[in-house]
Amino acid sequence: MLARGTSQHTKASFAEEIEGMGARLDTDHCRERQAMTIRCFKGDISRAVSLLGDAVSNATLDSAELELVKREVADEHERNHTDYENTTLEQCQYNAFREHMVGQPKKGDPDQLQNLTSETLDGY
């Protein structure tokens, strides 16, 4: 959701700003961390840092955009059933850390995904 619009940029203008610098936005998440990286030319570092700061500090949590993200994640949940390696690793993680948050699925609980709202994210 961080790269899907801020108080200063729409989703499209955010992407155009990055593309205009000849930069590349990468996001990565796992159980313990989440990363958002912009690879850019040396002269554009201040613009990239400003964009990252805006994305983290001023993210707009649009309900329509959240519904798109929820559909994307739900599709990923469905595709995971054929990815035996990741499914096995998820189950091992769950069995090792059953009562701890680390034991929960990386992409969240599919049943709880539908209950997620932009107000819940904003409160978090």
Protein backbone atom coordinates (compact mmCIF):
# COMPACT_ATOMS: atom_id res chain seq x y z
CA MET A 1 0.00 0.00 0.00
CA LEU A 2 2.95 2.36 0.52
CA ALA A 3 3.63 2.77 -3.20
CA ARG A 4 -0.03 3.18 -4.09
CA GLY A 5 -0.41 6.87 -3.37
CA THR A 6 0.52 9.51 -0.83
CA SER A 7 -0.83 12.87 0.23
CA GLN A 8 1.42 14.46 -2.42
CA HIS A 9 1.34 11.82 -5.17
CA THR A 10 -1.27 9.64 -6.77
CA LYS A 11 -0.34 6.07 -7.60
CA ALA A 12 0.32 7.12 -11.22
CA SER A 13 2.34 10.24 -10.38
CA PHE A 14 4.43 8.27 -7.85
CA ALA A 15 5.28 5.73 -10.56
CA GLU A 16 5.93 8.50 -13.11
CA GLU A 17 8.28 10.27 -10.70
CA ILE A 18 10.34 7.12 -10.25
CA GLU A 19 10.31 6.32 -13.96
CA GLY A 20 11.24 9.92 -14.80
CA MET A 21 14.42 9.55 -12.74
CA GLY A 22 15.28 6.34 -14.54
CA ALA A 23 15.00 4.65 -11.15
CA ARG A 24 13.54 1.35 -10.04
CA LEU A 25 11.29 0.69 -7.05
CA ASP A 26 11.64 -2.65 -5.29
CA THR A 27 9.56 -3.87 -2.37
CA ASP A 28 10.24 -6.97 -0.32
CA HIS A 29 8.53 -8.42 2.69
CA CYS A 30 8.89 -11.44 4.85
CA ARG A 31 7.92 -12.35 8.39
CA GLU A 32 10.28 -10.10 10.30
CA ARG A 33 10.80 -7.13 8.00
CA GLN A 34 9.53 -5.10 5.12
CA ALA A 35 11.71 -3.15 2.72
CA MET A 36 11.07 -0.50 0.10
CA THR A 37 14.07 0.44 -2.05
CA ILE A 38 14.60 2.89 -4.88
CA ARG A 39 17.63 2.30 -7.07
CA CYS A 40 18.58 5.53 -8.76
CA PHE A 41 21.43 7.56 -10.19
CA LYS A 42 23.71 9.35 -7.75
CA GLY A 43 22.30 12.76 -8.65
CA ASP A 44 18.75 11.70 -7.81
CA ILE A 45 19.38 10.39 -4.28
CA SER A 46 17.68 13.33 -2.56
CA ARG A 47 14.58 12.93 -4.75
CA ALA A 48 14.50 9.18 -4.04
CA VAL A 49 14.83 9.70 -0.28
CA SER A 50 12.08 12.31 -0.43
CA LEU A 51 9.80 9.88 -2.28
CA LEU A 52 10.51 7.09 0.19
CA GLY A 53 9.87 9.40 3.12
CA ASP A 54 6.61 10.58 1.59
CA ALA A 55 5.50 6.98 0.93
CA VAL A 56 6.20 5.88 4.49
CA SER A 57 4.99 9.01 6.29
CA ASN A 58 2.05 10.12 4.16
CA ALA A 59 0.59 6.97 2.60
CA THR A 60 -3.03 7.31 1.59
CA LEU A 61 -4.95 4.22 2.51
CA ASP A 62 -7.62 4.38 -0.17
CA SER A 63 -10.41 1.83 0.29
CA ALA A 64 -10.69 1.07 -3.45
CA GLU A 65 -6.93 0.51 -3.71
CA LEU A 66 -7.04 -1.72 -0.63
CA GLU A 67 -9.70 -3.87 -2.29
CA LEU A 68 -7.39 -4.32 -5.31
CA VAL A 69 -4.53 -5.34 -3.03
CA LYS A 70 -6.76 -7.75 -1.14
CA ARG A 71 -7.73 -9.42 -4.43
CA GLU A 72 -4.06 -9.68 -5.45
CA VAL A 73 -3.14 -11.28 -2.12
CA ALA A 74 -6.13 -13.64 -2.27
CA ASP A 75 -4.96 -14.75 -5.74
CA GLU A 76 -1.50 -15.36 -4.30
CA HIS A 77 -3.03 -17.47 -1.54
CA GLU A 78 -4.75 -19.60 -4.19
CA ARG A 79 -1.54 -20.03 -6.22
CA ASN A 80 0.41 -21.06 -3.11
CA HIS A 81 -1.35 -24.42 -3.04
CA THR A 82 0.70 -25.51 -6.05
CA ASP A 83 3.98 -24.14 -4.66
CA TYR A 84 4.99 -27.13 -2.58
CA GLU A 85 8.26 -25.71 -1.30
CA ASN A 86 6.72 -22.54 0.14
CA THR A 87 3.73 -24.45 1.48
CA THR A 88 6.05 -26.85 3.30
CA LEU A 89 8.13 -23.99 4.72
CA GLU A 90 4.98 -22.18 5.89
CA GLN A 91 3.79 -25.32 7.67
CA CYS A 92 7.19 -25.86 9.31
CA GLN A 93 7.20 -22.25 10.51
CA TYR A 94 3.68 -22.69 11.88
CA ASN A 95 4.55 -25.90 13.72
CA ALA A 96 7.75 -24.46 15.19
CA PHE A 97 6.18 -21.16 16.34
CA ARG A 98 2.50 -22.02 16.63
CA GLU A 99 1.67 -19.61 19.46
CA HIS A 100 3.85 -16.74 18.24
CA MET A 101 3.26 -14.21 15.45
CA VAL A 102 6.33 -15.57 13.63
CA GLY A 103 4.37 -18.78 13.06
CA GLN A 104 1.63 -17.01 11.11
CA PRO A 105 1.60 -17.01 7.27
CA LYS A 106 3.74 -14.38 5.53
CA LYS A 107 0.81 -13.08 3.52
CA GLY A 108 -1.56 -13.21 6.47
CA ASP A 109 -4.48 -15.44 7.27
CA PRO A 110 -6.70 -15.86 4.18
CA ASP A 111 -9.82 -15.85 6.36
CA GLN A 112 -8.85 -12.58 8.06
CA LEU A 113 -7.86 -10.87 4.81
CA GLN A 114 -11.48 -10.08 3.96
CA ASN A 115 -11.96 -8.31 7.32
CA LEU A 116 -9.11 -5.86 6.69
CA THR A 117 -10.19 -2.24 6.17
CA SER A 118 -8.36 0.98 5.44
CA GLU A 119 -9.35 2.19 8.93
CA THR A 120 -7.67 -0.87 10.45
CA LEU A 121 -4.48 -0.15 8.49
CA ASP A 122 -4.58 3.52 9.43
CA GLY A 123 -4.91 2.57 13.11
CA TYR A 124 -1.95 0.22 12.82
